[in-house]
Amino acid sequence: MLGFAAGCGRRLGHPGAGLARLASMAAPSVYDALDDASRAFVAFEMATIHDRLGDYGAAFHWFGEGNRMIMQSPQARGIAR
């Protein structure tokens, strides 16, 4: 739910507020407990917000993390569930 709220904040022109909401989900103790799809969502939202704020190094990091999560999915690896 926080990820959705962060995305709404970003889309409404308040990326800083969205980043503050996502920060709790990006904390290692929470982030590591999420499944790959949820981690990818958080990572891509963090990347987009950092990009909008002009923090391109952090955006690059989070885009890479999101892509890594997507590539670990069973669909990307060609594994049928």
Protein backbone atom coordinates (compact mmCIF):
# COMPACT_ATOMS: atom_id res chain seq x y z
CA MET A 1 0.00 0.00 0.00
CA LEU A 2 2.86 2.40 0.73
CA GLY A 3 4.27 1.75 -2.73
CA PHE A 4 0.98 2.69 -4.31
CA ALA A 5 0.78 5.86 -2.20
CA ALA A 6 4.34 6.77 -3.18
CA GLY A 7 3.48 6.37 -6.86
CA CYS A 8 0.41 8.55 -6.43
CA GLY A 9 2.49 11.22 -4.73
CA ARG A 10 5.00 11.11 -7.57
CA ARG A 11 2.30 11.35 -10.22
CA LEU A 12 0.69 14.28 -8.41
CA GLY A 13 3.97 16.19 -8.53
CA HIS A 14 5.23 15.44 -5.02
CA PRO A 15 8.18 13.08 -5.59
CA GLY A 16 9.81 13.97 -2.27
CA ALA A 17 6.72 12.85 -0.36
CA GLY A 18 6.64 9.65 -2.39
CA LEU A 19 10.29 8.99 -1.60
CA ALA A 20 9.65 9.46 2.11
CA ARG A 21 6.84 6.90 1.97
CA LEU A 22 8.95 4.39 0.08
CA ALA A 23 11.97 4.75 2.35
CA SER A 24 10.41 2.44 4.92
CA MET A 25 9.85 -0.25 2.28
CA ALA A 26 13.40 0.09 0.98
CA ALA A 27 14.92 -0.53 4.41
CA PRO A 28 16.84 -3.83 4.23
CA SER A 29 14.80 -5.47 7.00
CA VAL A 30 11.58 -4.90 5.04
CA TYR A 31 12.89 -5.04 1.45
CA ASP A 32 14.61 -8.40 1.93
CA ALA A 33 11.38 -9.93 3.26
CA LEU A 34 9.39 -8.98 0.12
CA ASP A 35 8.86 -11.35 -2.79
CA ASP A 36 10.67 -10.61 -6.06
CA ALA A 37 7.67 -8.92 -7.71
CA SER A 38 7.17 -6.59 -4.75
CA ARG A 39 10.89 -5.80 -4.62
CA ALA A 40 10.83 -4.98 -8.34
CA PHE A 41 7.86 -2.65 -7.81
CA VAL A 42 9.61 -0.84 -4.96
CA ALA A 43 12.88 -0.65 -6.90
CA PHE A 44 11.31 0.78 -10.05
CA GLU A 45 9.28 3.30 -8.06
CA MET A 46 12.43 4.36 -6.14
CA ALA A 47 14.29 4.67 -9.46
CA THR A 48 11.58 6.80 -11.03
CA ILE A 49 11.35 9.12 -8.04
CA HIS A 50 15.14 9.55 -7.81
CA ASP A 51 15.22 10.25 -11.55
CA ARG A 52 12.55 12.93 -11.17
CA LEU A 53 14.50 14.48 -8.31
CA GLY A 54 17.68 14.57 -10.43
CA ASP A 55 19.56 11.99 -8.35
CA TYR A 56 20.65 9.95 -11.36
CA GLY A 57 23.18 7.79 -9.53
CA ALA A 58 20.52 6.53 -7.12
CA ALA A 59 18.06 6.14 -10.00
CA PHE A 60 20.58 4.01 -11.90
CA HIS A 61 21.11 1.83 -8.83
CA TRP A 62 17.38 1.25 -8.32
CA PHE A 63 16.69 0.60 -12.02
CA GLY A 64 19.43 -2.05 -11.91
CA GLU A 65 17.93 -3.57 -8.78
CA GLY A 66 14.46 -3.68 -10.37
CA ASN A 67 15.83 -5.33 -13.50
CA ARG A 68 17.68 -7.87 -11.38
CA MET A 69 14.45 -8.75 -9.56
CA ILE A 70 12.57 -9.14 -12.85
CA MET A 71 15.31 -11.41 -14.23
CA GLN A 72 15.04 -13.64 -11.16
CA SER A 73 11.35 -14.26 -11.74
CA PRO A 74 10.29 -17.75 -12.84
CA GLN A 75 8.85 -16.28 -16.05
CA ALA A 76 12.17 -14.69 -17.01
CA ARG A 77 14.02 -17.92 -16.28
CA GLY A 78 11.53 -19.94 -18.32
CA ILE A 79 10.35 -21.99 -15.36
CA ALA A 80 6.72 -23.04 -15.35
CA ARG A 81 5.00 -22.67 -12.02
